[in-house]
Amino acid sequence: MLRHASWTLIDQGVVSLGAFLLNIVLARHMAPVEYGIFALIFGILLMIQLSISSVIFYPMSIRIARLPEEERPALAGRSLALLPLLLLPAAALLALGLVLMGRSDLALPVALHLTVWQGQEALRRVLFAEFRHRDALVGDSIAYLGAPLAVLILLQQGTLTLPGVFFCMAAASGVALLVSSRLVHAERPSARTLRPTFSEFWSLGRWSLANNFVGALRIQILLWGLTAMFGAAATAAFQAALNVVNLANPILLGLCNVIPQAAARKSREGYRAAWKAARDYALIGTLPLLPCYAVLLAAPDLVLLLLYGADSSYLGLALPIRILAISWLLGYSADMICSFMHGVDAARLALLVSAAGTLAAAALFLPLVQPYGLIGACITFGGSNLARLLSAHWFLTRMIAHGRPSAA
């Protein structure tokens, strides 16, 4: 277990490091309004990614984890063949939306990035499902570290623009896609097998889709609400604070990639055994997590200075970072329980947990953000995560006590 967790965390560490470096470079060198637009677009991209993950990647991961090794390439091939059916319409709609919003310069690079990124994501998820996290590290290093490196080259040449940023991200993911394709074992599927596979995936993933959409809506309420009330620069400040708090995202995302498979493997022994497997991974994650957030709570000013520089407009974010750090810790516990629920086919309960958080965010947003601005948004985020944690713990207790999800 420790070996699997280590490679998972290393891989996710590379992914999160690349995303973190990219955000820091953009926050330091782009105008706040442009960086705010980047944050809004990337939020939409993440919602699309979560939707595809729910309908294809998540069901594939759960099913492959339960299959004998010789049957896995066939399912991997069918899963990869389903991807364009969802991805291409999403990319076209996104491009159209950008044109209608008056940013036609972003339509092609954003759509291209989404398409290539999700192709690479599909291959890494196949490797994850087979617990081949070390192999996935190759492509992920190219995709996620290559993007900020390419952006730094644009910066050095004095040609840094928002369309150029998305072209850089697409190029890095494209190289990673070519490399990862040599590592994945997938059989060419028959066309007649795709419909039953999609039906099976939809049956399993529809609750995950609703859960991820509702969960992503919590953040979108804050991002778009801040933009509507105070402008894109306020969104940029919120994203700049999130960048700092997200330093520990490798732990969260890495464990969310491995806990559903670990819980699925133990699910035949009952919920108590499956939760024990998930909890052990979650406890491993707390070892590096607690010192990291202790530093953020004790010295946020120093961290801001190191990351954004002495002349940055984001140096006054110490209090938002403290609030978001506490919120992140609450959310970590809720996410670990929800990952367990996804592994034991209780995604409907995870949806209820996400709904509790989103309803809390919607209820708190105006009363807190209108008078207190960015601070109010951070407190809203914390209240949302507290609602998620309380509801997740309540459902978990009932699952273990009664032997089955009471609401599933």
Protein backbone atom coordinates (compact mmCIF):
# COMPACT_ATOMS: atom_id res chain seq x y z
CA MET A 1 0.00 0.00 0.00
CA LEU A 2 2.76 2.46 0.91
CA ARG A 3 4.48 1.83 -2.45
CA HIS A 4 1.29 2.58 -4.39
CA ALA A 5 0.60 5.68 -2.28
CA SER A 6 4.15 6.94 -2.76
CA TRP A 7 4.05 6.77 -6.56
CA THR A 8 0.56 8.29 -6.55
CA LEU A 9 1.71 11.22 -4.46
CA ILE A 10 4.87 11.69 -6.53
CA ASP A 11 2.87 11.74 -9.76
CA GLN A 12 0.26 14.10 -8.38
CA GLY A 13 3.06 16.18 -6.91
CA VAL A 14 4.44 16.72 -10.41
CA VAL A 15 0.97 17.55 -11.76
CA SER A 16 0.22 20.02 -9.00
CA LEU A 17 3.71 21.52 -9.11
CA GLY A 18 3.27 22.23 -12.80
CA ALA A 19 -0.17 23.81 -12.28
CA PHE A 20 1.17 25.78 -9.32
CA LEU A 21 4.18 27.12 -11.23
CA LEU A 22 2.00 28.07 -14.18
CA ASN A 23 -0.39 30.01 -11.94
CA ILE A 24 2.44 31.76 -10.10
CA VAL A 25 4.12 32.84 -13.35
CA LEU A 26 0.84 34.15 -14.74
CA ALA A 27 -0.13 35.91 -11.51
CA ARG A 28 3.25 37.64 -11.34
CA HIS A 29 3.46 38.75 -14.96
CA MET A 30 -0.09 39.21 -16.28
CA ALA A 31 -2.45 42.07 -15.55
CA PRO A 32 -4.98 41.10 -12.82
CA VAL A 33 -7.89 41.35 -15.26
CA GLU A 34 -6.26 38.94 -17.75
CA TYR A 35 -5.29 36.57 -14.96
CA GLY A 36 -8.85 36.70 -13.67
CA ILE A 37 -10.10 35.74 -17.15
CA PHE A 38 -7.63 32.84 -17.18
CA ALA A 39 -9.02 31.66 -13.82
CA LEU A 40 -12.60 31.80 -15.12
CA ILE A 41 -11.79 29.90 -18.33
CA PHE A 42 -9.75 27.31 -16.51
CA GLY A 43 -12.65 26.81 -14.09
CA ILE A 44 -14.88 25.98 -17.06
CA LEU A 45 -12.23 23.61 -18.43
CA LEU A 46 -12.12 21.83 -15.08
CA MET A 47 -15.90 21.42 -15.08
CA ILE A 48 -15.72 19.81 -18.54
CA GLN A 49 -12.85 17.60 -17.38
CA LEU A 50 -14.82 16.53 -14.31
CA SER A 51 -17.83 15.66 -16.48
CA ILE A 52 -15.75 13.48 -18.80
CA SER A 53 -14.00 11.93 -15.83
CA SER A 54 -17.32 11.03 -14.23
CA VAL A 55 -18.81 9.37 -17.30
CA ILE A 56 -15.70 7.64 -18.66
CA PHE A 57 -12.60 7.74 -16.46
CA TYR A 58 -14.24 6.94 -13.11
CA PRO A 59 -16.31 3.93 -14.32
CA MET A 60 -13.30 2.64 -16.26
CA SER A 61 -11.09 2.86 -13.17
CA ILE A 62 -13.55 0.99 -10.98
CA ARG A 63 -14.18 -1.75 -13.56
CA ILE A 64 -10.52 -2.27 -14.51
CA ALA A 65 -9.56 -2.57 -10.85
CA ARG A 66 -11.89 -5.58 -10.58
CA LEU A 67 -10.93 -7.31 -13.87
CA PRO A 68 -8.27 -9.98 -14.43
CA GLU A 69 -5.18 -8.55 -16.08
CA GLU A 70 -5.82 -10.19 -19.46
CA GLU A 71 -9.26 -8.51 -19.78
CA ARG A 72 -8.09 -4.98 -19.04
CA PRO A 73 -6.82 -3.95 -22.53
CA ALA A 74 -10.24 -4.59 -24.08
CA LEU A 75 -12.01 -2.35 -21.58
CA ALA A 76 -9.29 0.29 -21.93
CA GLY A 77 -9.75 0.32 -25.70
CA ARG A 78 -13.52 0.75 -25.43
CA SER A 79 -13.06 3.56 -22.90
CA LEU A 80 -10.64 5.47 -25.12
CA ALA A 81 -12.96 5.08 -28.11
CA LEU A 82 -15.83 6.69 -26.17
CA LEU A 83 -13.83 9.81 -25.32
CA PRO A 84 -14.24 11.74 -28.64
CA LEU A 85 -18.03 11.33 -28.48
CA LEU A 86 -18.09 13.62 -25.43
CA LEU A 87 -14.94 15.66 -25.89
CA LEU A 88 -15.36 17.05 -29.41
CA PRO A 89 -18.86 18.54 -28.87
CA ALA A 90 -17.68 20.07 -25.59
CA ALA A 91 -14.67 21.67 -27.30
CA ALA A 92 -16.85 23.07 -30.09
CA LEU A 93 -19.38 24.56 -27.65
CA LEU A 94 -16.60 26.10 -25.58
CA ALA A 95 -15.06 27.72 -28.66
CA LEU A 96 -18.46 29.07 -29.70
CA GLY A 97 -19.03 30.48 -26.23
CA LEU A 98 -15.71 32.33 -26.29
CA VAL A 99 -16.55 33.83 -29.70
CA LEU A 100 -19.94 35.03 -28.42
CA MET A 101 -18.24 36.53 -25.35
CA GLY A 102 -15.98 38.60 -27.56
CA ARG A 103 -12.81 36.55 -27.04
CA SER A 104 -12.51 34.90 -30.44
CA ASP A 105 -8.73 35.05 -30.01
CA LEU A 106 -9.06 32.37 -27.35
CA ALA A 107 -11.45 30.02 -29.18
CA LEU A 108 -8.88 27.94 -31.06
CA PRO A 109 -6.16 27.68 -28.38
CA VAL A 110 -8.60 26.87 -25.58
CA ALA A 111 -10.48 24.23 -27.63
CA LEU A 112 -7.18 22.71 -28.79
CA HIS A 113 -5.83 22.59 -25.26
CA LEU A 114 -9.00 20.92 -23.95
CA THR A 115 -8.91 18.25 -26.68
CA VAL A 116 -5.24 17.32 -26.33
CA TRP A 117 -5.29 17.59 -22.53
CA GLN A 118 -8.19 15.17 -22.20
CA GLY A 119 -6.53 12.71 -24.60
CA GLN A 120 -3.48 12.65 -22.34
CA GLU A 121 -5.73 12.48 -19.27
CA ALA A 122 -7.48 9.39 -20.67
CA LEU A 123 -4.16 7.55 -21.06
CA ARG A 124 -2.95 8.44 -17.56
CA ARG A 125 -6.26 7.24 -16.09
CA VAL A 126 -5.81 3.85 -17.76
CA LEU A 127 -2.38 3.61 -16.14
CA PHE A 128 -3.83 4.72 -12.80
CA ALA A 129 -6.56 2.07 -12.97
CA GLU A 130 -3.84 -0.59 -13.33
CA PHE A 131 -1.88 0.97 -10.43
CA ARG A 132 0.91 1.91 -12.87
CA HIS A 133 1.44 5.34 -11.36
CA ARG A 134 5.17 5.21 -12.00
CA ASP A 135 4.54 4.82 -15.74
CA ALA A 136 2.03 7.69 -15.70
CA LEU A 137 4.71 9.91 -14.20
CA VAL A 138 6.54 10.08 -17.56
CA GLY A 139 3.73 11.73 -19.50
CA ASP A 140 2.58 13.85 -16.59
CA SER A 141 6.06 15.31 -16.14
CA ILE A 142 6.10 16.37 -19.78
CA ALA A 143 2.57 17.78 -19.78
CA TYR A 144 2.50 19.63 -16.50
CA LEU A 145 6.11 20.79 -16.17
CA GLY A 146 6.44 21.52 -19.88
CA ALA A 147 3.59 24.06 -19.86
CA PRO A 148 5.13 26.55 -17.37
CA LEU A 149 8.52 26.08 -19.05
CA ALA A 150 7.05 27.05 -22.43
CA VAL A 151 5.29 30.04 -20.84
CA LEU A 152 8.59 31.18 -19.34
CA ILE A 153 10.11 31.09 -22.84
CA LEU A 154 7.30 33.34 -24.11
CA LEU A 155 7.89 35.64 -21.17
CA GLN A 156 11.59 35.87 -21.93
CA GLN A 157 10.80 36.72 -25.55
CA GLY A 158 8.32 39.38 -24.49
CA THR A 159 5.41 37.69 -26.28
CA LEU A 160 3.34 36.47 -23.31
CA THR A 161 -0.38 36.60 -24.14
CA LEU A 162 -3.38 34.64 -22.93
CA PRO A 163 -3.85 32.78 -26.27
CA GLY A 164 -0.14 31.94 -26.19
CA VAL A 165 -0.52 30.45 -22.71
CA PHE A 166 -3.18 28.02 -23.91
CA PHE A 167 -1.15 27.11 -27.00
CA CYS A 168 1.80 26.30 -24.69
CA MET A 169 -0.40 24.08 -22.53
CA ALA A 170 -1.75 22.29 -25.62
CA ALA A 171 1.74 21.70 -26.99
CA ALA A 172 3.02 20.21 -23.72
CA SER A 173 -0.01 17.90 -23.46
CA GLY A 174 0.44 16.86 -27.09
CA VAL A 175 4.01 15.68 -26.54
CA ALA A 176 2.90 13.85 -23.39
CA LEU A 177 0.06 12.23 -25.35
CA LEU A 178 2.51 10.77 -27.86
CA VAL A 179 4.78 9.42 -25.11
CA SER A 180 1.97 7.97 -22.98
CA SER A 181 0.37 6.22 -25.96
CA ARG A 182 3.36 3.86 -26.04
CA LEU A 183 2.80 2.84 -22.42
CA VAL A 184 -0.91 2.00 -22.52
CA HIS A 185 -2.12 -1.47 -23.48
CA ALA A 186 -5.46 -1.05 -25.24
CA GLU A 187 -7.21 -3.21 -27.82
CA ARG A 188 -9.06 -1.75 -30.79
CA PRO A 189 -12.76 -2.14 -29.93
CA SER A 190 -15.58 -3.35 -32.10
CA ALA A 191 -18.20 -0.66 -32.80
CA ARG A 192 -20.99 -2.87 -31.46
CA THR A 193 -19.35 -3.02 -28.03
CA LEU A 194 -19.33 0.75 -27.49
CA ARG A 195 -23.04 1.23 -26.83
CA PRO A 196 -23.32 -1.37 -24.03
CA THR A 197 -20.06 -0.08 -22.53
CA PHE A 198 -21.38 3.49 -22.51
CA SER A 199 -24.65 2.31 -20.95
CA GLU A 200 -22.73 0.54 -18.20
CA PHE A 201 -20.47 3.57 -17.66
CA TRP A 202 -23.44 5.92 -17.56
CA SER A 203 -25.23 3.75 -15.01
CA LEU A 204 -22.18 3.82 -12.77
CA GLY A 205 -20.96 7.35 -13.47
CA ARG A 206 -24.13 9.43 -13.60
CA TRP A 207 -24.10 10.00 -9.86
CA SER A 208 -20.42 10.87 -9.98
CA LEU A 209 -21.22 13.32 -12.80
CA ALA A 210 -23.88 15.03 -10.74
CA ASN A 211 -21.59 15.00 -7.70
CA ASN A 212 -18.64 16.56 -9.55
CA PHE A 213 -20.84 19.15 -11.24
CA VAL A 214 -22.46 20.19 -7.99
CA GLY A 215 -19.06 20.21 -6.27
CA ALA A 216 -17.46 22.36 -8.97
CA LEU A 217 -20.41 24.73 -8.76
CA ARG A 218 -19.30 25.68 -5.24
CA ILE A 219 -16.14 27.27 -6.63
CA GLN A 220 -17.85 28.70 -9.71
CA ILE A 221 -20.34 30.55 -7.49
CA LEU A 222 -17.41 32.32 -5.85
CA LEU A 223 -15.41 33.00 -9.03
CA TRP A 224 -18.26 34.29 -11.17
CA GLY A 225 -19.95 36.01 -8.23
CA LEU A 226 -16.81 37.97 -7.40
CA THR A 227 -16.41 38.89 -11.07
CA ALA A 228 -20.00 40.11 -11.32
CA MET A 229 -19.83 42.16 -8.13
CA PHE A 230 -16.24 43.47 -8.10
CA GLY A 231 -14.68 42.68 -11.51
CA ALA A 232 -12.15 40.14 -12.81
CA ALA A 233 -9.37 41.63 -10.67
CA ALA A 234 -11.20 40.43 -7.52
CA THR A 235 -11.36 36.95 -9.02
CA ALA A 236 -7.63 37.15 -9.70
CA ALA A 237 -6.99 37.97 -6.02
CA PHE A 238 -9.12 35.02 -4.90
CA GLN A 239 -7.28 32.71 -7.32
CA ALA A 240 -3.92 34.07 -6.11
CA ALA A 241 -4.86 33.11 -2.55
CA LEU A 242 -6.07 29.70 -3.70
CA ASN A 243 -2.73 29.13 -5.44
CA VAL A 244 -0.96 29.33 -2.09
CA VAL A 245 -3.45 27.10 -0.29
CA ASN A 246 -3.34 24.56 -3.12
CA LEU A 247 0.32 23.82 -2.40
CA ALA A 248 -0.82 20.59 -0.74
CA ASN A 249 -3.12 19.56 -3.61
CA PRO A 250 -0.80 16.67 -4.60
CA ILE A 251 -1.86 14.89 -1.43
CA LEU A 252 -5.57 15.42 -1.96
CA LEU A 253 -5.69 14.68 -5.68
CA GLY A 254 -3.25 11.78 -5.46
CA LEU A 255 -5.30 10.07 -2.79
CA CYS A 256 -8.56 10.76 -4.64
CA ASN A 257 -7.03 8.85 -7.56
CA VAL A 258 -6.13 5.78 -5.51
CA ILE A 259 -8.74 5.55 -2.72
CA PRO A 260 -11.72 4.58 -4.95
CA GLN A 261 -9.76 1.65 -6.41
CA ALA A 262 -8.50 0.58 -2.97
CA ALA A 263 -12.00 0.75 -1.50
CA ALA A 264 -13.44 -1.11 -4.51
CA ARG A 265 -11.03 -3.99 -3.98
CA LYS A 266 -12.13 -4.32 -0.34
CA SER A 267 -15.83 -3.70 -0.91
CA ARG A 268 -16.68 -7.41 -1.02
CA GLU A 269 -15.59 -7.65 2.61
CA GLY A 270 -18.06 -4.97 3.65
CA TYR A 271 -18.05 -1.24 4.21
CA ARG A 272 -16.00 -1.41 7.39
CA ALA A 273 -13.09 -3.14 5.63
CA ALA A 274 -13.36 -0.83 2.61
CA TRP A 275 -13.35 2.26 4.84
CA LYS A 276 -10.33 0.96 6.75
CA ALA A 277 -8.40 0.68 3.45
CA ALA A 278 -9.45 4.21 2.46
CA ARG A 279 -8.72 5.64 5.93
CA ASP A 280 -5.20 4.22 5.93
CA TYR A 281 -4.40 6.10 2.74
CA ALA A 282 -5.98 9.28 4.14
CA LEU A 283 -3.86 9.06 7.29
CA ILE A 284 -0.70 8.70 5.20
CA GLY A 285 -1.62 11.96 3.52
CA THR A 286 -1.85 13.88 6.79
CA LEU A 287 1.85 13.34 7.55
CA PRO A 288 3.13 15.98 5.07
CA LEU A 289 -0.11 17.94 5.06
CA LEU A 290 -0.17 19.22 8.65
CA PRO A 291 3.32 20.83 8.64
CA CYS A 292 2.53 22.50 5.31
CA TYR A 293 -0.60 24.17 6.62
CA ALA A 294 1.04 25.05 9.91
CA VAL A 295 3.44 27.22 7.90
CA LEU A 296 0.58 28.85 5.98
CA LEU A 297 -1.25 29.67 9.20
CA ALA A 298 1.85 30.96 11.00
CA ALA A 299 3.61 32.92 8.24
CA PRO A 300 1.36 33.68 5.23
CA ASP A 301 3.06 37.03 4.64
CA LEU A 302 6.43 35.36 4.13
CA VAL A 303 4.94 32.81 1.74
CA LEU A 304 3.25 35.56 -0.30
CA LEU A 305 6.49 37.52 -0.52
CA LEU A 306 8.43 34.47 -1.70
CA LEU A 307 5.86 33.49 -4.31
CA TYR A 308 4.68 36.80 -5.76
CA GLY A 309 7.56 39.19 -5.11
CA ALA A 310 7.93 42.44 -3.19
CA ASP A 311 6.02 44.55 -5.73
CA SER A 312 2.98 42.27 -6.07
CA SER A 313 -0.55 43.53 -5.52
CA TYR A 314 -1.31 40.22 -3.82
CA LEU A 315 0.83 40.77 -0.70
CA GLY A 316 -2.19 41.75 1.39
CA LEU A 317 -3.78 38.31 1.24
CA ALA A 318 -2.55 36.98 4.61
CA LEU A 319 -5.99 36.81 6.23
CA PRO A 320 -7.69 35.21 3.19
CA ILE A 321 -4.93 32.58 3.12
CA ARG A 322 -5.43 31.74 6.81
CA ILE A 323 -9.17 31.36 6.28
CA LEU A 324 -8.71 29.26 3.14
CA ALA A 325 -6.11 27.04 4.84
CA ILE A 326 -8.56 26.13 7.61
CA SER A 327 -11.24 25.61 4.95
CA TRP A 328 -8.94 23.31 2.97
CA LEU A 329 -8.31 21.11 6.01
CA LEU A 330 -12.06 20.73 6.52
CA GLY A 331 -12.49 19.90 2.85
CA TYR A 332 -9.69 17.31 2.92
CA SER A 333 -11.54 15.15 5.44
CA ALA A 334 -14.79 15.41 3.48
CA ASP A 335 -13.03 14.52 0.21
CA MET A 336 -11.46 11.41 1.71
CA ILE A 337 -14.88 10.13 2.78
CA CYS A 338 -16.40 10.98 -0.62
CA SER A 339 -13.58 9.14 -2.41
CA PHE A 340 -14.39 6.08 -0.33
CA MET A 341 -18.07 6.40 -1.28
CA HIS A 342 -17.18 6.46 -4.98
CA GLY A 343 -15.17 3.26 -4.56
CA VAL A 344 -18.06 1.33 -3.00
CA ASP A 345 -20.71 2.41 -5.54
CA ALA A 346 -22.26 4.92 -3.13
CA ALA A 347 -21.77 7.94 -5.38
CA ARG A 348 -25.31 9.11 -4.64
CA LEU A 349 -24.27 9.76 -1.06
CA ALA A 350 -21.24 11.70 -2.25
CA LEU A 351 -23.65 13.76 -4.36
CA LEU A 352 -25.67 14.62 -1.26
CA VAL A 353 -22.47 15.69 0.49
CA SER A 354 -21.54 17.95 -2.43
CA ALA A 355 -25.08 19.33 -2.55
CA ALA A 356 -24.85 20.27 1.12
CA GLY A 357 -21.66 22.20 0.43
CA THR A 358 -23.05 23.95 -2.65
CA LEU A 359 -26.28 24.94 -0.89
CA ALA A 360 -24.23 26.33 1.99
CA ALA A 361 -22.10 28.35 -0.48
CA ALA A 362 -25.19 29.70 -2.25
CA ALA A 363 -26.85 30.64 1.06
CA LEU A 364 -23.76 32.36 2.50
CA PHE A 365 -22.49 34.11 -0.62
CA LEU A 366 -24.56 37.31 -0.72
CA PRO A 367 -24.74 37.89 3.08
CA LEU A 368 -20.96 37.54 3.38
CA VAL A 369 -19.50 38.67 0.05
CA GLN A 370 -21.57 41.79 -0.52
CA PRO A 371 -20.36 43.51 2.68
CA TYR A 372 -16.95 41.85 3.10
CA GLY A 373 -15.77 41.15 -0.47
CA LEU A 374 -12.85 38.75 -0.76
CA ILE A 375 -12.82 37.94 2.97
CA GLY A 376 -16.51 37.07 2.76
CA ALA A 377 -15.82 34.75 -0.19
CA CYS A 378 -13.14 32.92 1.80
CA ILE A 379 -15.47 32.52 4.79
CA THR A 380 -18.18 31.26 2.43
CA PHE A 381 -15.73 28.65 1.14
CA GLY A 382 -15.02 27.55 4.72
CA GLY A 383 -18.72 27.30 5.60
CA SER A 384 -19.29 25.21 2.49
CA ASN A 385 -16.54 22.74 3.45
CA LEU A 386 -17.80 22.52 7.02
CA ALA A 387 -21.26 21.57 5.72
CA ARG A 388 -19.65 18.90 3.52
CA LEU A 389 -17.64 17.45 6.38
CA LEU A 390 -20.60 17.22 8.76
CA SER A 391 -22.85 15.56 6.19
CA ALA A 392 -20.09 13.19 5.01
CA HIS A 393 -19.39 12.04 8.57
CA TRP A 394 -23.09 11.49 9.19
CA PHE A 395 -23.48 9.30 6.09
CA LEU A 396 -20.28 7.37 6.81
CA THR A 397 -21.43 6.53 10.33
CA ARG A 398 -24.74 5.22 9.02
CA MET A 399 -23.07 3.17 6.27
CA ILE A 400 -20.79 1.38 8.72
CA ALA A 401 -23.51 0.90 11.33
CA HIS A 402 -26.19 -0.46 8.99
CA GLY A 403 -24.03 -2.25 6.44
CA ARG A 404 -25.40 -0.39 3.43
CA PRO A 405 -25.84 3.26 2.35
CA SER A 406 -29.09 4.41 3.88
CA ALA A 407 -29.80 6.80 1.02
CA ALA A 408 -28.32 4.82 -1.87
